[in-house]
Amino acid sequence: MKVLVINAGSSSLKYQLINTDNNDVIAKGLCERIGIDGSKLTHKPTGKQNAEIVSPMASHADAIKLVIAALLDKEHGVIGSMDEIGAVGHRVVHGGEAFSGSVIIDDEVKKALEECSELAPLHNPANLMGISACEEVMPGVPQVGVFDTAFHQTMKPEAYLYGIPYELYEKHKIRKYGFHGTSHKYVSNRAAKLLGKPIEELKIITCHLGNGSSITAVDGGKSVDTSMGFTPLAGVIMGTRSGVIDPAIIPFVMEKEGLSIKEIDELLNKKSGVLGISGLSSDFRDLETEANNGNERAKLALDMFINSVKRYIGYYACAMGGVDAIVFTAGIGENNGPMRAQIVECAEFMGVKIDPEKNKIRGEEIDISAPDAKVKTLVIPTNEELMIALDTKALVEGK
């Protein structure tokens, strides 16, 4: 089956057409500046010349029409007719408590997603626009929602509840939801295959490290705890996000600096993290360059990030009663060997030990453990689009 994977943002739309029979990417691309002057589509068909199409896109429906036209085009197209697309899989950021797995989208599902929009106001409305656009342009083609939060719905109340009055959870569903679930699910399943063991027998800590980062404890194939919380702001220090802080800091800073709710939210989400600590950049590559040139605040920002990841690895190893493998994925996790080494160096007492030569690898699926390591350390490039495509195929085919 050929599955079209859609990841719709407020003014952008990423896509991949994947053949789920062999997991090959047939084509992928990006629609930019939807609803804004200068909108364009960058289309990358496998085995053919890339194409850049500059065309007005007033809506997501216009974007989807351009995507379909590109896929069908005589020169850079990859399919002969729309009939070749068996289903569409949509990345949806927030499924709340309503969805513990992927679902075929119907009116009831869309209503539930609208209700979740206040939990993800920047993402869910855009995801819904993508769904509506595909329904308009491809009537009758099954649409499937795959949720970032679904994988974490296996957490127990003691892991997902906060120490606030229980009534607030009952009234407003304030709890830990977790994010990057599709990535954590994909790499933990790949880890089991690399180790040659059933995932039901493994305790895995997955580290999705990028500008946005989250760590997850996966016990027997299920998420039992994760670092992000009610929103993606919680957990480790990130590019521009603060990560976990003392809640009393918020009203204190608001009063001292005269900030509004909107301003403190922007400070914590867009002006904090390694950007706020360094005063330089949210890009870890920039910070490494500056740290190597003697910039102490850049070095401090990196050290704080590494320390925060270490905390969760130790915490989750204890929570699961042990660990069989630590997995690194996403931009930093897949490509930054020195940072991987710094993160795990304190865990040798648990049996974690890496091979320095293997650890030089960037962006490849590899076991970087030393021969005598009792706990495996793996690098696994994430592939959320493939996970979405496979979930979509399984649902549509009823498997």
Protein backbone atom coordinates (compact mmCIF):
# COMPACT_ATOMS: atom_id res chain seq x y z
CA MET A 1 0.00 0.00 0.00
CA LYS A 2 1.13 3.54 -0.79
CA VAL A 3 0.43 5.87 2.14
CA LEU A 4 0.62 9.65 1.96
CA VAL A 5 1.91 10.99 5.30
CA ILE A 6 0.88 14.55 6.14
CA ASN A 7 2.34 16.80 8.85
CA ALA A 8 0.43 20.09 8.73
CA GLY A 9 1.63 23.21 10.53
CA SER A 10 -0.08 26.58 10.76
CA SER A 11 1.54 27.87 7.54
CA SER A 12 3.38 24.78 6.27
CA LEU A 13 2.72 21.20 5.21
CA LYS A 14 5.30 18.41 5.07
CA TYR A 15 4.54 15.20 3.21
CA GLN A 16 5.98 11.83 2.29
CA LEU A 17 4.57 9.18 -0.01
CA ILE A 18 5.72 5.82 1.36
CA ASN A 19 5.39 2.34 -0.10
CA THR A 20 4.60 0.31 3.02
CA ASP A 21 5.30 -2.96 1.22
CA ASN A 22 9.04 -2.22 1.31
CA ASN A 23 9.13 0.98 3.46
CA ASP A 24 10.63 3.01 0.60
CA VAL A 25 10.02 6.76 0.38
CA ILE A 26 8.66 7.40 -3.12
CA ALA A 27 8.60 11.18 -2.75
CA LYS A 28 8.66 13.85 -0.08
CA GLY A 29 8.35 17.58 0.11
CA LEU A 30 7.37 20.77 1.87
CA CYS A 31 4.74 23.43 1.24
CA GLU A 32 5.82 26.73 2.79
CA ARG A 33 4.12 30.06 3.53
CA ILE A 34 0.54 28.80 3.19
CA GLY A 35 -1.75 31.81 3.34
CA ILE A 36 1.24 34.14 3.01
CA ASP A 37 2.77 35.86 -0.01
CA GLY A 38 5.63 33.92 -1.61
CA SER A 39 4.28 30.42 -0.94
CA LYS A 40 6.10 27.55 -2.64
CA LEU A 41 6.29 23.77 -2.85
CA THR A 42 9.62 21.92 -2.78
CA HIS A 43 9.05 18.42 -4.19
CA LYS A 44 11.69 15.68 -3.96
CA PRO A 45 10.83 12.52 -5.93
CA THR A 46 13.13 9.54 -5.41
CA GLY A 47 15.20 8.90 -8.52
CA LYS A 48 14.09 12.06 -10.29
CA GLN A 49 15.03 15.73 -10.39
CA ASN A 50 13.75 17.85 -7.51
CA ALA A 51 11.16 20.49 -8.36
CA GLU A 52 10.42 23.87 -6.81
CA ILE A 53 6.94 25.18 -7.58
CA VAL A 54 6.16 28.80 -6.70
CA SER A 55 2.40 29.18 -6.55
CA PRO A 56 -0.18 30.94 -4.34
CA MET A 57 -1.55 28.70 -1.57
CA ALA A 58 -4.36 30.49 0.19
CA SER A 59 -5.28 27.43 2.24
CA HIS A 60 -4.16 23.94 3.20
CA ALA A 61 -6.58 22.61 0.57
CA ASP A 62 -4.63 24.56 -2.07
CA ALA A 63 -1.42 23.06 -0.71
CA ILE A 64 -2.79 19.51 -0.89
CA LYS A 65 -3.93 20.13 -4.48
CA LEU A 66 -0.41 21.23 -5.40
CA VAL A 67 1.07 18.16 -3.68
CA ILE A 68 -1.26 15.85 -5.62
CA ALA A 69 -0.44 17.65 -8.87
CA ALA A 70 3.29 17.23 -8.17
CA LEU A 71 2.86 13.53 -7.41
CA LEU A 72 0.98 13.09 -10.72
CA ASP A 73 3.16 15.35 -12.89
CA LYS A 74 4.62 13.76 -16.03
CA GLU A 75 8.17 15.01 -15.36
CA HIS A 76 8.61 14.80 -11.58
CA GLY A 77 5.57 12.73 -10.62
CA VAL A 78 5.75 9.28 -9.05
CA ILE A 79 2.23 7.87 -9.48
CA GLY A 80 -0.03 7.37 -12.50
CA SER A 81 -3.33 8.10 -10.77
CA MET A 82 -4.88 8.98 -7.42
CA ASP A 83 -6.09 5.39 -7.11
CA GLU A 84 -2.54 4.39 -6.16
CA ILE A 85 -2.80 6.23 -2.82
CA GLY A 86 -4.43 3.76 -0.44
CA ALA A 87 -4.68 5.99 2.62
CA VAL A 88 -3.49 9.22 4.25
CA GLY A 89 -1.77 9.21 7.65
CA HIS A 90 -1.85 12.48 9.60
CA ARG A 91 0.53 13.45 12.38
CA VAL A 92 -1.62 14.91 15.15
CA VAL A 93 0.21 16.46 18.09
CA HIS A 94 -2.35 16.11 20.87
CA GLY A 95 -4.91 13.35 21.37
CA GLY A 96 -5.49 14.04 25.06
CA GLU A 97 -6.88 11.10 27.00
CA ALA A 98 -9.26 10.24 24.17
CA PHE A 99 -6.76 8.29 22.07
CA SER A 100 -4.34 5.60 23.21
CA GLY A 101 -3.54 4.59 19.66
CA SER A 102 -3.96 5.60 16.04
CA VAL A 103 -7.52 5.84 14.69
CA ILE A 104 -9.40 6.11 11.41
CA ILE A 105 -10.70 9.67 11.31
CA ASP A 106 -14.45 10.31 11.34
CA ASP A 107 -16.66 13.14 12.56
CA GLU A 108 -16.50 11.91 16.16
CA VAL A 109 -12.69 11.85 16.06
CA LYS A 110 -12.54 15.35 14.58
CA LYS A 111 -14.81 16.61 17.35
CA ALA A 112 -12.50 15.10 19.97
CA LEU A 113 -9.50 16.73 18.30
CA GLU A 114 -11.21 20.11 18.39
CA GLU A 115 -11.77 19.62 22.13
CA CYS A 116 -8.03 18.89 22.53
CA SER A 117 -7.10 22.08 20.68
CA GLU A 118 -6.88 24.14 23.86
CA LEU A 119 -4.14 21.75 25.01
CA ALA A 120 -2.17 22.29 21.78
CA PRO A 121 -3.40 25.60 20.32
CA LEU A 122 -0.44 25.96 17.95
CA HIS A 123 -0.66 22.44 16.53
CA ASN A 124 -4.08 20.74 16.64
CA PRO A 125 -5.97 23.41 14.64
CA ALA A 126 -3.33 23.12 11.89
CA ASN A 127 -3.56 19.31 12.01
CA LEU A 128 -7.34 19.55 11.62
CA MET A 129 -6.91 21.88 8.63
CA GLY A 130 -4.69 19.26 7.01
CA ILE A 131 -7.29 16.56 7.61
CA SER A 132 -10.12 18.68 6.18
CA ALA A 133 -8.00 19.60 3.16
CA CYS A 134 -7.28 15.95 2.37
CA GLU A 135 -10.94 15.01 2.78
CA GLU A 136 -11.87 17.76 0.32
CA VAL A 137 -9.26 16.87 -2.28
CA MET A 138 -9.31 13.07 -1.80
CA PRO A 139 -12.90 12.08 -0.96
CA GLY A 140 -13.29 8.42 -0.09
CA VAL A 141 -9.60 7.85 0.72
CA PRO A 142 -9.24 6.62 4.36
CA GLN A 143 -7.73 9.23 6.70
CA VAL A 144 -5.87 8.07 9.82
CA GLY A 145 -4.76 10.11 12.83
CA VAL A 146 -1.48 9.18 14.54
CA PHE A 147 -0.93 11.01 17.81
CA ASP A 148 2.28 12.26 19.44
CA THR A 149 0.65 11.67 22.84
CA ALA A 150 -0.85 8.21 22.23
CA PHE A 151 2.24 6.13 23.03
CA HIS A 152 2.37 7.65 26.52
CA GLN A 153 -1.21 6.74 27.43
CA THR A 154 0.13 3.56 29.06
CA MET A 155 1.57 5.60 31.94
CA LYS A 156 0.00 4.92 35.35
CA PRO A 157 -1.64 7.70 37.40
CA GLU A 158 1.33 7.90 39.76
CA ALA A 159 3.47 8.82 36.74
CA TYR A 160 1.12 11.19 34.94
CA LEU A 161 -0.64 13.10 37.73
CA TYR A 162 0.69 16.30 39.30
CA GLY A 163 0.65 17.20 42.99
CA ILE A 164 -2.21 19.66 42.64
CA PRO A 165 -5.86 19.26 43.76
CA TYR A 166 -7.31 16.19 42.03
CA GLU A 167 -10.37 18.21 41.07
CA LEU A 168 -8.23 20.20 38.61
CA TYR A 169 -7.40 16.98 36.81
CA GLU A 170 -11.06 15.99 36.77
CA LYS A 171 -12.25 19.41 35.54
CA HIS A 172 -9.48 20.44 33.16
CA LYS A 173 -7.53 17.22 32.46
CA ILE A 174 -4.33 18.73 33.83
CA ARG A 175 -1.84 15.85 33.73
CA LYS A 176 1.34 14.71 32.02
CA TYR A 177 0.69 13.75 28.40
CA GLY A 178 4.18 13.48 26.94
CA PHE A 179 5.17 14.11 23.33
CA HIS A 180 7.46 12.72 20.59
CA GLY A 181 5.54 9.47 21.16
CA THR A 182 5.75 8.32 17.55
CA SER A 183 9.53 8.73 17.66
CA HIS A 184 9.92 6.93 21.00
CA LYS A 185 7.72 4.07 19.76
CA TYR A 186 9.68 3.72 16.53
CA VAL A 187 13.18 3.71 18.02
CA SER A 188 12.27 1.40 20.93
CA ASN A 189 10.88 -1.15 18.46
CA ARG A 190 13.98 -0.80 16.28
CA ALA A 191 16.15 -1.27 19.37
CA ALA A 192 14.44 -4.57 20.13
CA LYS A 193 15.12 -5.78 16.59
CA LEU A 194 18.78 -4.71 16.76
CA LEU A 195 19.17 -6.55 20.06
CA GLY A 196 17.38 -9.62 18.70
CA LYS A 197 14.99 -9.82 21.65
CA PRO A 198 11.21 -9.42 22.05
CA ILE A 199 10.44 -5.87 23.13
CA GLU A 200 8.22 -7.31 25.86
CA GLU A 201 11.39 -8.52 27.61
CA LEU A 202 13.32 -5.23 27.43
CA LYS A 203 13.72 -2.10 29.54
CA ILE A 204 14.76 0.77 27.25
CA ILE A 205 15.46 4.46 27.82
CA THR A 206 14.92 6.44 24.62
CA CYS A 207 16.55 9.88 24.33
CA HIS A 208 15.00 12.08 21.62
CA LEU A 209 17.51 14.93 21.67
CA GLY A 210 17.15 17.96 19.42
CA ASN A 211 16.08 21.56 19.74
CA GLY A 212 13.09 20.01 21.49
CA SER A 213 14.07 17.02 23.65
CA SER A 214 12.34 14.32 25.64
CA ILE A 215 13.40 11.16 27.44
CA THR A 216 11.11 8.13 27.84
CA ALA A 217 11.19 4.97 29.95
CA VAL A 218 9.92 2.08 27.81
CA ASP A 219 9.27 -1.09 29.81
CA GLY A 220 8.10 -4.12 27.84
CA GLY A 221 7.29 -1.96 24.84
CA LYS A 222 5.14 0.48 26.82
CA SER A 223 5.85 4.03 27.93
CA VAL A 224 5.86 4.09 31.73
CA ASP A 225 7.17 7.65 32.14
CA THR A 226 8.38 10.52 29.99
CA SER A 227 10.02 13.88 30.60
CA MET A 228 7.67 16.24 28.75
CA GLY A 229 4.46 16.96 30.60
CA PHE A 230 1.15 18.78 30.23
CA THR A 231 2.94 20.66 27.43
CA PRO A 232 6.28 20.20 25.62
CA LEU A 233 7.77 22.83 27.94
CA ALA A 234 8.55 20.38 30.75
CA GLY A 235 11.51 18.04 31.12
CA VAL A 236 15.10 18.66 30.10
CA ILE A 237 16.49 22.07 29.17
CA MET A 238 15.98 22.58 25.43
CA GLY A 239 16.87 25.02 22.68
CA THR A 240 14.54 27.79 23.83
CA ARG A 241 12.40 26.02 26.46
CA SER A 242 13.22 26.14 30.15
CA GLY A 243 12.42 22.54 31.02
CA VAL A 244 11.41 21.81 34.60
CA ILE A 245 11.71 24.76 36.99
CA ASP A 246 10.38 25.60 40.44
CA PRO A 247 6.75 26.73 39.74
CA ALA A 248 7.14 29.59 42.26
CA ILE A 249 9.63 31.21 39.87
CA ILE A 250 6.78 32.09 37.51
CA PRO A 251 4.75 34.46 39.74
CA PHE A 252 8.00 35.81 41.23
CA VAL A 253 9.38 36.81 37.81
CA MET A 254 5.99 38.11 36.66
CA GLU A 255 5.84 40.44 39.66
CA LYS A 256 9.47 41.56 39.55
CA GLU A 257 9.57 42.11 35.78
CA GLY A 258 5.96 43.24 35.34
CA LEU A 259 5.18 40.48 32.84
CA SER A 260 1.76 39.40 31.59
CA ILE A 261 0.68 35.76 31.29
CA LYS A 262 1.43 35.90 27.57
CA GLU A 263 4.86 37.41 28.18
CA ILE A 264 5.91 34.84 30.81
CA ASP A 265 4.72 32.06 28.51
CA GLU A 266 6.86 33.47 25.70
CA LEU A 267 9.85 33.86 28.03
CA LEU A 268 9.68 30.21 29.14
CA ASN A 269 8.99 28.77 25.68
CA LYS A 270 11.01 31.00 23.36
CA LYS A 271 13.65 32.87 25.38
CA SER A 272 14.88 30.28 27.86
CA GLY A 273 16.75 26.98 27.58
CA VAL A 274 20.27 27.04 26.19
CA LEU A 275 19.45 30.29 24.37
CA GLY A 276 18.60 32.00 27.65
CA ILE A 277 21.60 30.58 29.51
CA SER A 278 24.15 31.31 26.77
CA GLY A 279 22.67 34.57 25.52
CA LEU A 280 23.92 33.47 22.10
CA SER A 281 21.93 30.84 20.27
CA SER A 282 19.47 27.95 20.54
CA ASP A 283 21.54 25.96 18.03
CA PHE A 284 23.76 23.48 19.85
CA ARG A 285 26.32 23.58 17.04
CA ASP A 286 26.81 27.30 17.55
CA LEU A 287 27.22 26.75 21.28
CA GLU A 288 29.84 24.03 20.78
CA THR A 289 31.86 26.33 18.53
CA GLU A 290 31.67 29.14 21.07
CA ALA A 291 32.45 26.82 24.00
CA ASN A 292 35.54 25.54 22.17
CA ASN A 293 36.59 29.19 21.74
CA GLY A 294 36.41 29.73 25.48
CA ASN A 295 32.91 31.14 25.92
CA GLU A 296 31.98 30.11 29.47
CA ARG A 297 28.24 30.73 29.16
CA ALA A 298 28.04 28.60 26.03
CA LYS A 299 29.86 25.82 27.90
CA LEU A 300 27.54 26.26 30.88
CA ALA A 301 24.46 25.92 28.66
CA LEU A 302 25.78 22.67 27.17
CA ASP A 303 26.74 21.32 30.59
CA MET A 304 23.26 22.09 31.93
CA PHE A 305 21.65 20.26 29.01
CA ILE A 306 23.87 17.20 29.49
CA ASN A 307 23.22 17.21 33.23
CA SER A 308 19.45 17.36 32.74
CA VAL A 309 19.51 14.36 30.37
CA LYS A 310 21.65 12.40 32.87
CA ARG A 311 19.05 13.02 35.58
CA TYR A 312 16.29 11.38 33.60
CA ILE A 313 18.41 8.41 32.56
CA GLY A 314 19.24 7.70 36.20
CA TYR A 315 15.67 8.29 37.33
CA TYR A 316 14.16 5.99 34.70
CA ALA A 317 16.69 3.22 35.26
CA CYS A 318 15.62 3.25 38.90
CA ALA A 319 11.90 3.51 38.06
CA MET A 320 12.08 0.43 35.80
CA GLY A 321 14.34 -1.52 38.14
CA GLY A 322 17.12 -1.66 35.58
CA VAL A 323 17.82 -0.92 31.93
CA ASP A 324 18.87 -3.07 28.98
CA ALA A 325 19.53 -0.33 26.44
CA ILE A 326 19.86 3.44 26.08
CA VAL A 327 18.85 4.79 22.67
CA PHE A 328 19.91 8.13 21.19
CA THR A 329 17.85 9.67 18.38
CA ALA A 330 16.90 12.99 16.68
CA GLY A 331 19.31 15.72 15.57
CA ILE A 332 21.66 15.82 18.57
CA GLY A 333 21.20 12.20 19.58
CA GLU A 334 21.98 10.88 16.10
CA ASN A 335 24.87 13.18 15.20
CA ASN A 336 26.72 14.39 18.28
CA GLY A 337 29.11 11.68 19.46
CA PRO A 338 30.96 13.79 22.05
CA MET A 339 27.69 14.75 23.72
CA ARG A 340 26.51 11.12 23.76
CA ALA A 341 29.79 10.19 25.46
CA GLN A 342 29.41 12.92 28.09
CA ILE A 343 25.84 11.88 28.84
CA VAL A 344 26.62 8.21 29.49
CA GLU A 345 30.06 8.54 31.08
CA CYS A 346 28.55 8.70 34.58
CA ALA A 347 26.55 5.50 34.02
CA GLU A 348 29.45 3.05 33.86
CA PHE A 349 28.47 1.80 37.32
CA MET A 350 25.22 0.54 35.68
CA GLY A 351 27.15 -1.33 33.00
CA VAL A 352 26.96 1.40 30.34
CA LYS A 353 30.15 1.67 28.30
CA ILE A 354 30.65 2.89 24.73
CA ASP A 355 33.27 2.24 22.08
CA PRO A 356 34.96 5.59 21.24
CA GLU A 357 35.52 4.66 17.60
CA LYS A 358 31.96 3.47 16.99
CA ASN A 359 30.69 6.61 18.73
CA LYS A 360 32.16 8.75 15.94
CA ILE A 361 29.36 7.57 13.63
CA ARG A 362 26.79 10.20 12.64
CA GLY A 363 23.21 9.57 11.54
CA GLU A 364 23.48 5.80 11.21
CA GLU A 365 21.76 2.95 13.01
CA ILE A 366 24.49 1.37 15.11
CA ASP A 367 25.31 -0.27 18.43
CA ILE A 368 28.05 1.92 19.88
CA SER A 369 28.51 -0.19 23.01
CA ALA A 370 31.93 -1.42 24.13
CA PRO A 371 32.35 -5.23 23.91
CA ASP A 372 32.16 -5.61 27.70
CA ALA A 373 29.14 -3.33 28.22
CA LYS A 374 26.29 -4.89 30.17
CA VAL A 375 23.86 -2.18 29.03
CA LYS A 376 23.71 -1.50 25.30
CA THR A 377 23.96 2.03 23.89
CA LEU A 378 22.37 2.44 20.48
CA VAL A 379 22.09 5.22 17.92
CA ILE A 380 18.87 4.91 15.89
CA PRO A 381 17.77 7.63 13.45
CA THR A 382 14.11 8.30 14.09
CA ASN A 383 11.55 7.82 11.33
CA GLU A 384 8.21 9.18 12.51
CA GLU A 385 6.84 9.28 8.96
CA LEU A 386 7.42 5.55 8.49
CA MET A 387 5.81 4.83 11.87
CA ILE A 388 2.78 6.88 10.82
CA ALA A 389 2.60 5.06 7.46
CA LEU A 390 2.81 1.61 9.07
CA ASP A 391 0.16 2.47 11.67
CA THR A 392 -2.06 3.79 8.87
CA LYS A 393 -1.65 0.64 6.79
CA ALA A 394 -2.38 -1.62 9.77
CA LEU A 395 -5.58 0.24 10.61
CA VAL A 396 -6.88 0.44 7.03
CA GLU A 397 -6.12 -3.22 6.38
CA GLY A 398 -7.57 -4.21 9.74
CA LYS A 399 -4.38 -5.83 11.04
